[in-house]
PDB file of N, CA and C in Angstrom:
ATOM      1  N   MET A   1       0.754  -1.227   0.163  1.00  0.00           N
ATOM      2  CA  MET A   1      -0.122   0.021   0.180  1.00  0.00           C
ATOM      3  C   MET A   1       1.087   1.148  -0.134  1.00  0.00           C
ATOM      4  N   LYS A   2       2.254   1.137   0.604  1.00  0.00           N
ATOM      5  CA  LYS A   2       2.772   2.230   0.714  1.00  0.00           C
ATOM      6  C   LYS A   2       3.370   2.866  -0.520  1.00  0.00           C
ATOM      7  N   ARG A   3       3.781   1.669  -1.638  1.00  0.00           N
ATOM      8  CA  ARG A   3       3.887   1.947  -2.891  1.00  0.00           C
ATOM      9  C   ARG A   3       3.238   2.313  -3.745  1.00  0.00           C
ATOM     10  N   LEU A   4       2.107   2.175  -3.383  1.00  0.00           N
ATOM     11  CA  LEU A   4       1.007   2.656  -4.367  1.00  0.00           C
ATOM     12  C   LEU A   4       0.820   4.221  -4.009  1.00  0.00           C
ATOM     13  N   ILE A   5       0.933   4.418  -2.696  1.00  0.00           N
ATOM     14  CA  ILE A   5       0.513   5.837  -2.314  1.00  0.00           C
ATOM     15  C   ILE A   5       1.866   6.684  -2.727  1.00  0.00           C
ATOM     16  N   LYS A   6       3.071   6.284  -2.942  1.00  0.00           N
ATOM     17  CA  LYS A   6       4.157   6.917  -3.056  1.00  0.00           C
ATOM     18  C   LYS A   6       4.021   7.149  -5.040  1.00  0.00           C
ATOM     19  N   ALA A   7       3.580   6.125  -5.455  1.00  0.00           N
ATOM     20  CA  ALA A   7       3.507   6.370  -7.062  1.00  0.00           C
ATOM     21  C   ALA A   7       2.180   7.163  -7.075  1.00  0.00           C
ATOM     22  N   PHE A   8       1.440   7.281  -6.521  1.00  0.00           N
ATOM     23  CA  PHE A   8       0.356   8.716  -6.772  1.00  0.00           C
ATOM     24  C   PHE A   8       0.917   9.889  -6.472  1.00  0.00           C
ATOM     25  N   GLY A   9       1.789   9.811  -5.317  1.00  0.00           N
ATOM     26  CA  GLY A   9       2.427  11.026  -5.132  1.00  0.00           C
ATOM     27  C   GLY A   9       3.334  11.533  -5.791  1.00  0.00           C
ATOM     28  N   ASN A  10       4.055  10.544  -6.892  1.00  0.00           N
ATOM     29  CA  ASN A  10       4.857  10.720  -7.983  1.00  0.00           C
ATOM     30  C   ASN A  10       4.380  11.399  -9.113  1.00  0.00           C
ATOM     31  N   SER A  11       3.258  10.810  -9.060  1.00  0.00           N
ATOM     32  CA  SER A  11       2.175  11.139 -10.196  1.00  0.00           C
ATOM     33  C   SER A  11       1.876  12.587 -10.330  1.00  0.00           C
ATOM     34  N   PHE A  12       1.256  13.021  -8.865  1.00  0.00           N
ATOM     35  CA  PHE A  12       0.791  14.515  -8.608  1.00  0.00           C
ATOM     36  C   PHE A  12       1.708  15.388  -9.049  1.00  0.00           C
ATOM     37  N   ALA A  13       3.097  15.093  -8.619  1.00  0.00           N
ATOM     38  CA  ALA A  13       4.411  15.989  -8.455  1.00  0.00           C
ATOM     39  C   ALA A  13       4.337  16.073  -9.751  1.00  0.00           C
ATOM     40  N   GLY A  14       4.539  15.243 -10.678  1.00  0.00           N
ATOM     41  CA  GLY A  14       4.774  15.447 -12.212  1.00  0.00           C
ATOM     42  C   GLY A  14       3.536  16.372 -12.900  1.00  0.00           C
ATOM     43  N   LEU A  15       2.447  16.122 -12.515  1.00  0.00           N
ATOM     44  CA  LEU A  15       1.684  16.825 -12.923  1.00  0.00           C
ATOM     45  C   LEU A  15       1.503  18.307 -12.409  1.00  0.00           C
ATOM     46  N   ALA A  16       2.158  18.517 -11.110  1.00  0.00           N
ATOM     47  CA  ALA A  16       2.308  19.938 -10.653  1.00  0.00           C
ATOM     48  C   ALA A  16       3.509  20.664 -11.236  1.00  0.00           C
ATOM     49  N   VAL A  17       4.631  19.892 -11.742  1.00  0.00           N
ATOM     50  CA  VAL A  17       5.718  20.304 -12.171  1.00  0.00           C
ATOM     51  C   VAL A  17       5.321  20.855 -13.717  1.00  0.00           C
ATOM     52  N   VAL A  18       4.268  19.991 -14.472  1.00  0.00           N
ATOM     53  CA  VAL A  18       3.853  20.192 -15.925  1.00  0.00           C
ATOM     54  C   VAL A  18       3.085  21.618 -15.701  1.00  0.00           C
ATOM     55  N   TRP A  19       2.537  21.557 -15.015  1.00  0.00           N
ATOM     56  CA  TRP A  19       1.244  22.713 -14.640  1.00  0.00           C
ATOM     57  C   TRP A  19       2.143  24.086 -14.451  1.00  0.00           C
ATOM     58  N   ARG A  20       2.937  23.909 -13.757  1.00  0.00           N
ATOM     59  CA  ARG A  20       3.917  24.876 -13.445  1.00  0.00           C
ATOM     60  C   ARG A  20       4.952  25.589 -14.316  1.00  0.00           C
ATOM     61  N   GLU A  21       5.526  24.571 -15.047  1.00  0.00           N
ATOM     62  CA  GLU A  21       6.584  25.196 -16.021  1.00  0.00           C
ATOM     63  C   GLU A  21       6.137  25.050 -17.170  1.00  0.00           C
ATOM     64  N   GLU A  22       5.085  24.500 -17.758  1.00  0.00           N
ATOM     65  CA  GLU A  22       4.679  24.230 -19.221  1.00  0.00           C
ATOM     66  C   GLU A  22       3.468  24.844 -19.529  1.00  0.00           C
ATOM     67  N   GLN A  23       3.680  26.071 -20.261  1.00  0.00           N
ATOM     68  CA  GLN A  23       2.666  26.869 -20.849  1.00  0.00           C
ATOM     69  C   GLN A  23       1.624  26.044 -21.938  1.00  0.00           C
ATOM     70  N   ALA A  24       2.581  25.372 -22.681  1.00  0.00           N
ATOM     71  CA  ALA A  24       1.525  24.323 -23.690  1.00  0.00           C
ATOM     72  C   ALA A  24       0.716  23.594 -22.852  1.00  0.00           C
ATOM     73  N   PHE A  25       1.113  22.909 -21.455  1.00  0.00           N
ATOM     74  CA  PHE A  25      -0.088  21.945 -20.793  1.00  0.00           C
ATOM     75  C   PHE A  25      -1.116  22.819 -20.529  1.00  0.00           C
ATOM     76  N   ARG A  26      -0.803  24.003 -19.674  1.00  0.00           N
ATOM     77  CA  ARG A  26      -1.901  24.857 -19.457  1.00  0.00           C
ATOM     78  C   ARG A  26      -2.645  25.350 -20.651  1.00  0.00           C
ATOM     79  N   LEU A  27      -2.315  25.702 -21.796  1.00  0.00           N
ATOM     80  CA  LEU A  27      -3.021  25.930 -23.069  1.00  0.00           C
ATOM     81  C   LEU A  27      -3.974  24.860 -23.488  1.00  0.00           C
ATOM     82  N   ASP A  28      -3.399  23.489 -23.050  1.00  0.00           N
ATOM     83  CA  ASP A  28      -4.083  22.389 -23.684  1.00  0.00           C
ATOM     84  C   ASP A  28      -5.155  21.841 -22.686  1.00  0.00           C
ATOM     85  N   CYS A  29      -5.052  22.406 -21.666  1.00  0.00           N
ATOM     86  CA  CYS A  29      -6.003  22.058 -20.441  1.00  0.00           C
ATOM     87  C   CYS A  29      -7.184  22.861 -20.608  1.00  0.00           C
ATOM     88  N   LEU A  30      -6.753  24.417 -21.166  1.00  0.00           N
ATOM     89  CA  LEU A  30      -7.939  25.134 -21.687  1.00  0.00           C
ATOM     90  C   LEU A  30      -8.712  24.731 -22.629  1.00  0.00           C
ATOM     91  N   LEU A  31      -7.882  23.949 -23.793  1.00  0.00           N
ATOM     92  CA  LEU A  31      -8.716  23.584 -24.874  1.00  0.00           C
ATOM     93  C   LEU A  31      -9.294  22.695 -24.132  1.00  0.00           C
ATOM     94  N   VAL A  32      -9.139  21.464 -23.425  1.00  0.00           N
ATOM     95  CA  VAL A  32     -10.143  20.549 -22.644  1.00  0.00           C
ATOM     96  C   VAL A  32     -11.501  21.267 -21.997  1.00  0.00           C
ATOM     97  N   CYS A  33     -10.945  22.376 -21.362  1.00  0.00           N
ATOM     98  CA  CYS A  33     -12.157  22.859 -20.266  1.00  0.00           C
ATOM     99  C   CYS A  33     -13.250  23.281 -21.632  1.00  0.00           C
ATOM    100  N   LEU A  34     -12.680  24.173 -22.323  1.00  0.00           N
ATOM    101  CA  LEU A  34     -13.672  24.605 -23.397  1.00  0.00           C
ATOM    102  C   LEU A  34     -14.581  23.433 -23.869  1.00  0.00           C
ATOM    103  N   GLY A  35     -13.775  22.258 -24.338  1.00  0.00           N
ATOM    104  CA  GLY A  35     -14.240  20.984 -24.667  1.00  0.00           C
ATOM    105  C   GLY A  35     -15.720  20.858 -23.847  1.00  0.00           C
ATOM    106  N   ALA A  36     -15.051  20.733 -22.644  1.00  0.00           N
ATOM    107  CA  ALA A  36     -16.169  20.094 -21.811  1.00  0.00           C
ATOM    108  C   ALA A  36     -17.516  20.837 -21.581  1.00  0.00           C
ATOM    109  N   VAL A  37     -17.207  22.425 -21.461  1.00  0.00           N
ATOM    110  CA  VAL A  37     -18.383  23.131 -21.471  1.00  0.00           C
ATOM    111  C   VAL A  37     -19.487  22.886 -22.920  1.00  0.00           C
ATOM    112  N   LEU A  38     -18.703  22.654 -24.052  1.00  0.00           N
ATOM    113  CA  LEU A  38     -19.129  22.520 -25.194  1.00  0.00           C
ATOM    114  C   LEU A  38     -20.047  21.197 -25.116  1.00  0.00           C
ATOM    115  N   LEU A  39     -19.363  20.150 -24.442  1.00  0.00           N
ATOM    116  CA  LEU A  39     -19.921  18.713 -24.203  1.00  0.00           C
ATOM    117  C   LEU A  39     -21.534  18.831 -23.474  1.00  0.00           C
ATOM    118  N   ALA A  40     -21.319  20.128 -22.355  1.00  0.00           N
ATOM    119  CA  ALA A  40     -22.245  20.273 -21.497  1.00  0.00           C
ATOM    120  C   ALA A  40     -23.570  20.838 -22.205  1.00  0.00           C
ATOM    121  N   VAL A  41     -23.413  21.219 -23.459  1.00  0.00           N
ATOM    122  CA  VAL A  41     -24.429  21.957 -23.951  1.00  0.00           C
ATOM    123  C   VAL A  41     -25.182  21.565 -25.287  1.00  0.00           C
ATOM    124  N   LEU A  42     -23.969  20.403 -25.817  1.00  0.00           N
ATOM    125  CA  LEU A  42     -24.308  19.703 -26.661  1.00  0.00           C
ATOM    126  C   LEU A  42     -25.219  18.431 -26.942  1.00  0.00           C
ATOM    127  N   ASP A  43     -26.540  18.523 -27.347  1.00  0.00           N
ATOM    128  CA  ASP A  43     -27.231  17.622 -27.126  1.00  0.00           C
ATOM    129  C   ASP A  43     -26.826  16.044 -27.840  1.00  0.00           C
ATOM    130  N   LEU A  44     -26.154  15.425 -27.020  1.00  0.00           N
ATOM    131  CA  LEU A  44     -25.272  13.875 -27.823  1.00  0.00           C
ATOM    132  C   LEU A  44     -25.929  13.190 -26.583  1.00  0.00           C
ATOM    133  N   SER A  45     -25.728  11.951 -26.903  1.00  0.00           N
ATOM    134  CA  SER A  45     -26.160  10.551 -25.811  1.00  0.00           C
ATOM    135  C   SER A  45     -24.928  10.631 -24.911  1.00  0.00           C
ATOM    136  N   VAL A  46     -25.374  10.110 -24.077  1.00  0.00           N
ATOM    137  CA  VAL A  46     -24.337  10.080 -22.678  1.00  0.00           C
ATOM    138  C   VAL A  46     -22.812   9.495 -23.109  1.00  0.00           C
ATOM    139  N   GLY A  47     -23.243   8.336 -23.926  1.00  0.00           N
ATOM    140  CA  GLY A  47     -22.090   7.302 -24.687  1.00  0.00           C
ATOM    141  C   GLY A  47     -21.234   8.543 -25.417  1.00  0.00           C
ATOM    142  N   ILE A  48     -21.933   8.858 -26.325  1.00  0.00           N
ATOM    143  CA  ILE A  48     -20.932   9.766 -27.158  1.00  0.00           C
ATOM    144  C   ILE A  48     -20.240  10.820 -26.244  1.00  0.00           C
ATOM    145  N   LYS A  49     -20.889  11.433 -25.625  1.00  0.00           N
ATOM    146  CA  LYS A  49     -20.111  12.552 -24.522  1.00  0.00           C
ATOM    147  C   LYS A  49     -18.830  12.073 -23.662  1.00  0.00           C
ATOM    148  N   ILE A  50     -19.164  10.679 -23.292  1.00  0.00           N
ATOM    149  CA  ILE A  50     -17.988  10.061 -22.892  1.00  0.00           C
ATOM    150  C   ILE A  50     -17.042   9.821 -23.479  1.00  0.00           C
ATOM    151  N   GLY A  51     -17.180   9.360 -24.674  1.00  0.00           N
ATOM    152  CA  GLY A  51     -16.195   9.066 -25.775  1.00  0.00           C
ATOM    153  C   GLY A  51     -15.343  10.592 -26.085  1.00  0.00           C
ATOM    154  N   LEU A  52     -16.387  11.205 -26.441  1.00  0.00           N
ATOM    155  CA  LEU A  52     -15.296  12.797 -26.842  1.00  0.00           C
ATOM    156  C   LEU A  52     -14.874  13.213 -25.508  1.00  0.00           C
ATOM    157  N   ALA A  53     -15.360  12.864 -24.399  1.00  0.00           N
ATOM    158  CA  ALA A  53     -14.586  13.643 -23.213  1.00  0.00           C
ATOM    159  C   ALA A  53     -12.985  12.500 -23.119  1.00  0.00           C
ATOM    160  N   PHE A  54     -13.200  11.239 -23.354  1.00  0.00           N
ATOM    161  CA  PHE A  54     -12.016  10.615 -23.392  1.00  0.00           C
ATOM    162  C   PHE A  54     -10.828  11.007 -24.415  1.00  0.00           C
ATOM    163  N   SER A  55     -11.661  11.498 -25.489  1.00  0.00           N
ATOM    164  CA  SER A  55     -10.731  12.032 -26.575  1.00  0.00           C
ATOM    165  C   SER A  55     -10.168  13.207 -26.407  1.00  0.00           C
ATOM    166  N   LEU A  56     -10.443  13.948 -25.379  1.00  0.00           N
ATOM    167  CA  LEU A  56      -9.882  15.526 -24.707  1.00  0.00           C
ATOM    168  C   LEU A  56      -8.940  14.884 -23.969  1.00  0.00           C
ATOM    169  N   GLY A  57      -8.856  14.042 -22.965  1.00  0.00           N
ATOM    170  CA  GLY A  57      -8.141  13.318 -22.177  1.00  0.00           C
ATOM    171  C   GLY A  57      -6.532  12.734 -23.238  1.00  0.00           C
ATOM    172  N   LEU A  58      -6.933  12.618 -23.988  1.00  0.00           N
ATOM    173  CA  LEU A  58      -5.827  12.148 -25.081  1.00  0.00           C
ATOM    174  C   LEU A  58      -4.653  12.969 -25.419  1.00  0.00           C
ATOM    175  N   ILE A  59      -5.556  14.505 -25.308  1.00  0.00           N
ATOM    176  CA  ILE A  59      -4.716  15.679 -25.757  1.00  0.00           C
ATOM    177  C   ILE A  59      -3.518  15.909 -24.572  1.00  0.00           C
ATOM    178  N   LEU A  60      -3.961  15.820 -23.438  1.00  0.00           N
ATOM    179  CA  LEU A  60      -3.395  16.068 -22.165  1.00  0.00           C
ATOM    180  C   LEU A  60      -2.274  14.877 -22.109  1.00  0.00           C
ATOM    181  N   ILE A  61      -2.626  13.689 -22.408  1.00  0.00           N
ATOM    182  CA  ILE A  61      -1.854  12.610 -22.299  1.00  0.00           C
ATOM    183  C   ILE A  61      -0.582  12.934 -23.409  1.00  0.00           C
ATOM    184  N   ALA A  62      -0.857  13.287 -24.442  1.00  0.00           N
ATOM    185  CA  ALA A  62       0.111  13.386 -25.485  1.00  0.00           C
ATOM    186  C   ALA A  62       1.072  14.675 -24.973  1.00  0.00           C
ATOM    187  N   GLU A  63       0.263  15.750 -24.537  1.00  0.00           N
ATOM    188  CA  GLU A  63       1.472  16.647 -24.127  1.00  0.00           C
ATOM    189  C   GLU A  63       2.483  16.284 -22.850  1.00  0.00           C
ATOM    190  N   LEU A  64       1.818  15.157 -21.922  1.00  0.00           N
ATOM    191  CA  LEU A  64       2.885  14.736 -20.891  1.00  0.00           C
ATOM    192  C   LEU A  64       3.686  13.870 -21.566  1.00  0.00           C
ATOM    193  N   ILE A  65       3.426  13.193 -22.409  1.00  0.00           N
ATOM    194  CA  ILE A  65       4.488  12.626 -23.340  1.00  0.00           C
ATOM    195  C   ILE A  65       5.745  13.350 -23.767  1.00  0.00           C
ATOM    196  N   ASN A  66       5.011  14.310 -24.650  1.00  0.00           N
ATOM    197  CA  ASN A  66       6.007  15.402 -25.334  1.00  0.00           C
ATOM    198  C   ASN A  66       6.981  16.199 -24.186  1.00  0.00           C
ATOM    199  N   THR A  67       6.277  16.509 -22.776  1.00  0.00           N
ATOM    200  CA  THR A  67       7.067  16.948 -22.163  1.00  0.00           C
ATOM    201  C   THR A  67       8.171  16.264 -21.490  1.00  0.00           C
ATOM    202  N   ALA A  68       7.810  14.682 -21.294  1.00  0.00           N
ATOM    203  CA  ALA A  68       8.844  13.986 -20.864  1.00  0.00           C
ATOM    204  C   ALA A  68      10.097  13.821 -21.642  1.00  0.00           C
ATOM    205  N   VAL A  69       9.909  13.864 -22.909  1.00  0.00           N
ATOM    206  CA  VAL A  69      10.550  13.707 -23.828  1.00  0.00           C
ATOM    207  C   VAL A  69      11.714  14.983 -23.941  1.00  0.00           C
ATOM    208  N   GLU A  70      10.988  16.084 -23.862  1.00  0.00           N
ATOM    209  CA  GLU A  70      11.873  17.284 -23.834  1.00  0.00           C
ATOM    210  C   GLU A  70      12.747  17.640 -22.658  1.00  0.00           C
ATOM    211  N   LYS A  71      12.283  17.295 -21.161  1.00  0.00           N
ATOM    212  CA  LYS A  71      13.006  17.025 -20.456  1.00  0.00           C
ATOM    213  C   LYS A  71      14.060  16.078 -20.222  1.00  0.00           C
ATOM    214  N   VAL A  72      14.082  14.899 -21.090  1.00  0.00           N
ATOM    215  CA  VAL A  72      15.168  13.800 -20.979  1.00  0.00           C
ATOM    216  C   VAL A  72      16.427  14.466 -21.891  1.00  0.00           C
ATOM    217  N   VAL A  73      15.857  15.346 -23.092  1.00  0.00           N
ATOM    218  CA  VAL A  73      16.574  15.707 -24.206  1.00  0.00           C
ATOM    219  C   VAL A  73      17.360  16.663 -23.477  1.00  0.00           C
ATOM    220  N   ASP A  74      16.517  17.670 -22.625  1.00  0.00           N
ATOM    221  CA  ASP A  74      17.285  18.855 -22.142  1.00  0.00           C
ATOM    222  C   ASP A  74      18.447  18.253 -21.077  1.00  0.00           C
ATOM    223  N   ARG A  75      17.896  17.208 -20.106  1.00  0.00           N
ATOM    224  CA  ARG A  75      18.900  16.951 -19.329  1.00  0.00           C
ATOM    225  C   ARG A  75      19.972  16.271 -19.797  1.00  0.00           C
ATOM    226  N   ILE A  76      20.111  15.734 -21.193  1.00  0.00           N
ATOM    227  CA  ILE A  76      21.226  15.149 -21.731  1.00  0.00           C
ATOM    228  C   ILE A  76      22.358  16.117 -21.820  1.00  0.00           C
ATOM    229  N   GLY A  77      21.771  17.342 -22.460  1.00  0.00           N
ATOM    230  CA  GLY A  77      22.553  18.648 -22.823  1.00  0.00           C
ATOM    231  C   GLY A  77      22.278  19.493 -23.762  1.00  0.00           C
ATOM    232  N   SER A  78      22.560  20.830 -23.535  1.00  0.00           N
ATOM    233  CA  SER A  78      22.081  21.936 -24.170  1.00  0.00           C
ATOM    234  C   SER A  78      22.582  22.233 -25.414  1.00  0.00           C
ATOM    235  N   GLU A  79      23.489  21.392 -25.756  1.00  0.00           N
ATOM    236  CA  GLU A  79      24.283  21.631 -27.251  1.00  0.00           C
ATOM    237  C   GLU A  79      23.525  21.018 -28.257  1.00  0.00           C
ATOM    238  N   TYR A  80      23.679  21.697 -29.585  1.00  0.00           N
ATOM    239  CA  TYR A  80      22.761  21.157 -30.457  1.00  0.00           C
ATOM    240  C   TYR A  80      23.004  19.736 -30.967  1.00  0.00           C
ATOM    241  N   ASN A  81      22.332  18.909 -31.131  1.00  0.00           N
ATOM    242  CA  ASN A  81      22.136  17.304 -31.449  1.00  0.00           C
ATOM    243  C   ASN A  81      21.342  17.206 -32.426  1.00  0.00           C
ATOM    244  N   GLU A  82      21.584  16.679 -33.695  1.00  0.00           N
ATOM    245  CA  GLU A  82      20.149  16.517 -34.683  1.00  0.00           C
ATOM    246  C   GLU A  82      19.559  15.407 -34.232  1.00  0.00           C
ATOM    247  N   LEU A  83      19.784  14.261 -33.501  1.00  0.00           N
ATOM    248  CA  LEU A  83      18.799  13.269 -32.541  1.00  0.00           C
ATOM    249  C   LEU A  83      18.124  13.870 -31.535  1.00  0.00           C
ATOM    250  N   SER A  84      18.248  14.916 -30.544  1.00  0.00           N
ATOM    251  CA  SER A  84      18.113  15.623 -29.701  1.00  0.00           C
ATOM    252  C   SER A  84      16.987  16.523 -30.637  1.00  0.00           C
ATOM    253  N   LYS A  85      17.146  16.883 -31.603  1.00  0.00           N
ATOM    254  CA  LYS A  85      15.812  17.885 -32.377  1.00  0.00           C
ATOM    255  C   LYS A  85      14.851  16.939 -32.781  1.00  0.00           C
ATOM    256  N   HIS A  86      15.469  15.560 -33.464  1.00  0.00           N
ATOM    257  CA  HIS A  86      14.206  14.648 -33.860  1.00  0.00           C
ATOM    258  C   HIS A  86      13.076  14.191 -32.530  1.00  0.00           C
ATOM    259  N   ALA A  87      14.198  14.187 -31.730  1.00  0.00           N
ATOM    260  CA  ALA A  87      13.401  13.555 -30.449  1.00  0.00           C
ATOM    261  C   ALA A  87      12.380  14.533 -29.905  1.00  0.00           C
ATOM    262  N   LYS A  88      12.579  15.672 -29.850  1.00  0.00           N
ATOM    263  CA  LYS A  88      11.859  17.065 -29.638  1.00  0.00           C
ATOM    264  C   LYS A  88      10.598  16.954 -30.813  1.00  0.00           C
ATOM    265  N   ASP A  89      11.187  16.854 -31.993  1.00  0.00           N
ATOM    266  CA  ASP A  89       9.938  17.143 -33.266  1.00  0.00           C
ATOM    267  C   ASP A  89       8.933  15.950 -33.319  1.00  0.00           C
ATOM    268  N   ILE A  90       9.686  15.075 -32.668  1.00  0.00           N
ATOM    269  CA  ILE A  90       8.693  13.613 -32.665  1.00  0.00           C
ATOM    270  C   ILE A  90       7.376  13.933 -31.728  1.00  0.00           C
ATOM    271  N   GLY A  91       8.147  14.402 -30.387  1.00  0.00           N
ATOM    272  CA  GLY A  91       7.040  14.649 -29.140  1.00  0.00           C
ATOM    273  C   GLY A  91       6.227  15.759 -29.666  1.00  0.00           C
ATOM    274  N   SER A  92       6.576  16.950 -30.746  1.00  0.00           N
ATOM    275  CA  SER A  92       5.808  17.772 -30.978  1.00  0.00           C
ATOM    276  C   SER A  92       4.852  17.254 -31.708  1.00  0.00           C
ATOM    277  N   ALA A  93       5.191  16.278 -32.795  1.00  0.00           N
ATOM    278  CA  ALA A  93       4.017  15.721 -33.686  1.00  0.00           C
ATOM    279  C   ALA A  93       3.180  14.878 -32.995  1.00  0.00           C
ATOM    280  N   ILE A  94       3.496  14.187 -32.008  1.00  0.00           N
ATOM    281  CA  ILE A  94       2.422  13.182 -30.844  1.00  0.00           C
ATOM    282  C   ILE A  94       1.418  14.345 -30.748  1.00  0.00           C
ATOM    283  N   VAL A  95       1.960  15.556 -30.404  1.00  0.00           N
ATOM    284  CA  VAL A  95       0.749  16.297 -29.900  1.00  0.00           C
ATOM    285  C   VAL A  95      -0.151  16.603 -31.214  1.00  0.00           C
ATOM    286  N   MET A  96       0.594  17.080 -32.198  1.00  0.00           N
ATOM    287  CA  MET A  96      -0.242  17.608 -33.290  1.00  0.00           C
ATOM    288  C   MET A  96      -1.031  16.849 -33.878  1.00  0.00           C
ATOM    289  N   MET A  97      -0.756  15.477 -33.969  1.00  0.00           N
ATOM    290  CA  MET A  97      -1.505  14.250 -34.535  1.00  0.00           C
ATOM    291  C   MET A  97      -2.795  14.080 -33.555  1.00  0.00           C
ATOM    292  N   THR A  98      -2.523  14.090 -32.397  1.00  0.00           N
ATOM    293  CA  THR A  98      -3.508  13.661 -31.208  1.00  0.00           C
ATOM    294  C   THR A  98      -4.374  14.747 -31.272  1.00  0.00           C
ATOM    295  N   ILE A  99      -4.027  16.039 -31.274  1.00  0.00           N
ATOM    296  CA  ILE A  99      -5.039  17.021 -31.420  1.00  0.00           C
ATOM    297  C   ILE A  99      -5.649  17.005 -32.787  1.00  0.00           C
ATOM    298  N   GLY A 100      -5.035  16.759 -34.205  1.00  0.00           N
ATOM    299  CA  GLY A 100      -5.892  16.346 -35.336  1.00  0.00           C
ATOM    300  C   GLY A 100      -6.684  15.408 -35.390  1.00  0.00           C
ATOM    301  N   LEU A 101      -6.568  14.515 -34.636  1.00  0.00           N
ATOM    302  CA  LEU A 101      -7.341  13.072 -34.707  1.00  0.00           C
ATOM    303  C   LEU A 101      -8.696  13.464 -33.866  1.00  0.00           C
ATOM    304  N   VAL A 102      -8.489  14.171 -32.675  1.00  0.00           N
ATOM    305  CA  VAL A 102      -9.372  14.623 -31.621  1.00  0.00           C
ATOM    306  C   VAL A 102     -10.405  15.685 -32.267  1.00  0.00           C
ATOM    307  N   ILE A 103     -10.100  16.370 -33.344  1.00  0.00           N
ATOM    308  CA  ILE A 103     -10.818  17.163 -34.212  1.00  0.00           C
ATOM    309  C   ILE A 103     -11.541  16.750 -34.986  1.00  0.00           C
ATOM    310  N   ALA A 104     -10.861  15.657 -35.796  1.00  0.00           N
ATOM    311  CA  ALA A 104     -11.590  14.799 -36.660  1.00  0.00           C
ATOM    312  C   ALA A 104     -12.629  14.214 -36.107  1.00  0.00           C
ATOM    313  N   LEU A 105     -12.548  13.696 -34.674  1.00  0.00           N
ATOM    314  CA  LEU A 105     -13.457  12.799 -34.242  1.00  0.00           C
ATOM    315  C   LEU A 105     -14.688  13.789 -33.892  1.00  0.00           C
ATOM    316  N   TRP A 106     -14.552  14.976 -33.248  1.00  0.00           N
ATOM    317  CA  TRP A 106     -15.482  15.612 -32.947  1.00  0.00           C
ATOM    318  C   TRP A 106     -16.243  15.985 -34.018  1.00  0.00           C
ATOM    319  N   VAL A 107     -15.618  16.532 -35.173  1.00  0.00           N
ATOM    320  CA  VAL A 107     -16.328  16.600 -36.654  1.00  0.00           C
ATOM    321  C   VAL A 107     -17.376  15.836 -37.104  1.00  0.00           C
ATOM    322  N   ALA A 108     -16.734  14.234 -36.902  1.00  0.00           N
ATOM    323  CA  ALA A 108     -16.952  13.546 -37.607  1.00  0.00           C
ATOM    324  C   ALA A 108     -18.810  13.421 -36.717  1.00  0.00           C
ATOM    325  N   VAL A 109     -18.226  13.455 -35.396  1.00  0.00           N
ATOM    326  CA  VAL A 109     -19.453  13.610 -34.662  1.00  0.00           C
ATOM    327  C   VAL A 109     -20.612  14.370 -34.618  1.00  0.00           C
ATOM    328  N   LEU A 110     -20.307  15.519 -34.768  1.00  0.00           N
ATOM    329  CA  LEU A 110     -20.837  16.725 -35.231  1.00  0.00           C
ATOM    330  C   LEU A 110     -21.935  16.544 -36.280  1.00  0.00           C
ATOM    331  N   ILE A 111     -21.125  16.014 -37.592  1.00  0.00           N
ATOM    332  CA  ILE A 111     -21.697  15.960 -38.679  1.00  0.00           C
ATOM    333  C   ILE A 111     -22.962  14.754 -38.792  1.00  0.00           C
ATOM    334  N   PHE A 112     -22.265  13.768 -38.346  1.00  0.00           N
ATOM    335  CA  PHE A 112     -23.277  12.183 -38.762  1.00  0.00           C
ATOM    336  C   PHE A 112     -24.048  12.131 -37.385  1.00  0.00           C
ATOM    337  N   VAL A 113     -23.690  12.855 -36.314  1.00  0.00           N
ATOM    338  CA  VAL A 113     -24.490  12.315 -35.050  1.00  0.00           C
ATOM    339  C   VAL A 113     -26.113  13.251 -34.652  1.00  0.00           C
ATOM    340  N   MET A 114     -25.491  14.642 -34.901  1.00  0.00           N
ATOM    341  CA  MET A 114     -26.475  15.801 -34.656  1.00  0.00           C
ATOM    342  C   MET A 114     -27.283  15.905 -35.933  1.00  0.00           C
TER     343      MET A 114
END
């Protein structure tokens, strides 16, 4: 049980660091909040609302992955390295593709369900 409590503490510490230090994460949280408000006013079934809400969560997960990659690369060194650039660019691509897929899902639901 102590290990589980410590793991939760570490997770919350990670969220606190990202919230404090990463503007992109805070902007993504704003986007997710706006999506949640939109979900509250849209006339959709509960199942579809749950699916769309989970899709918003994927944006935050992608941003956390990107931030973790950036922190590790920055830890290795500040000098320019092509592989470091690739790692950071790929992390950014994860976020971009996730947001794009979430937008596509929302548009598809709004077109075909409403």
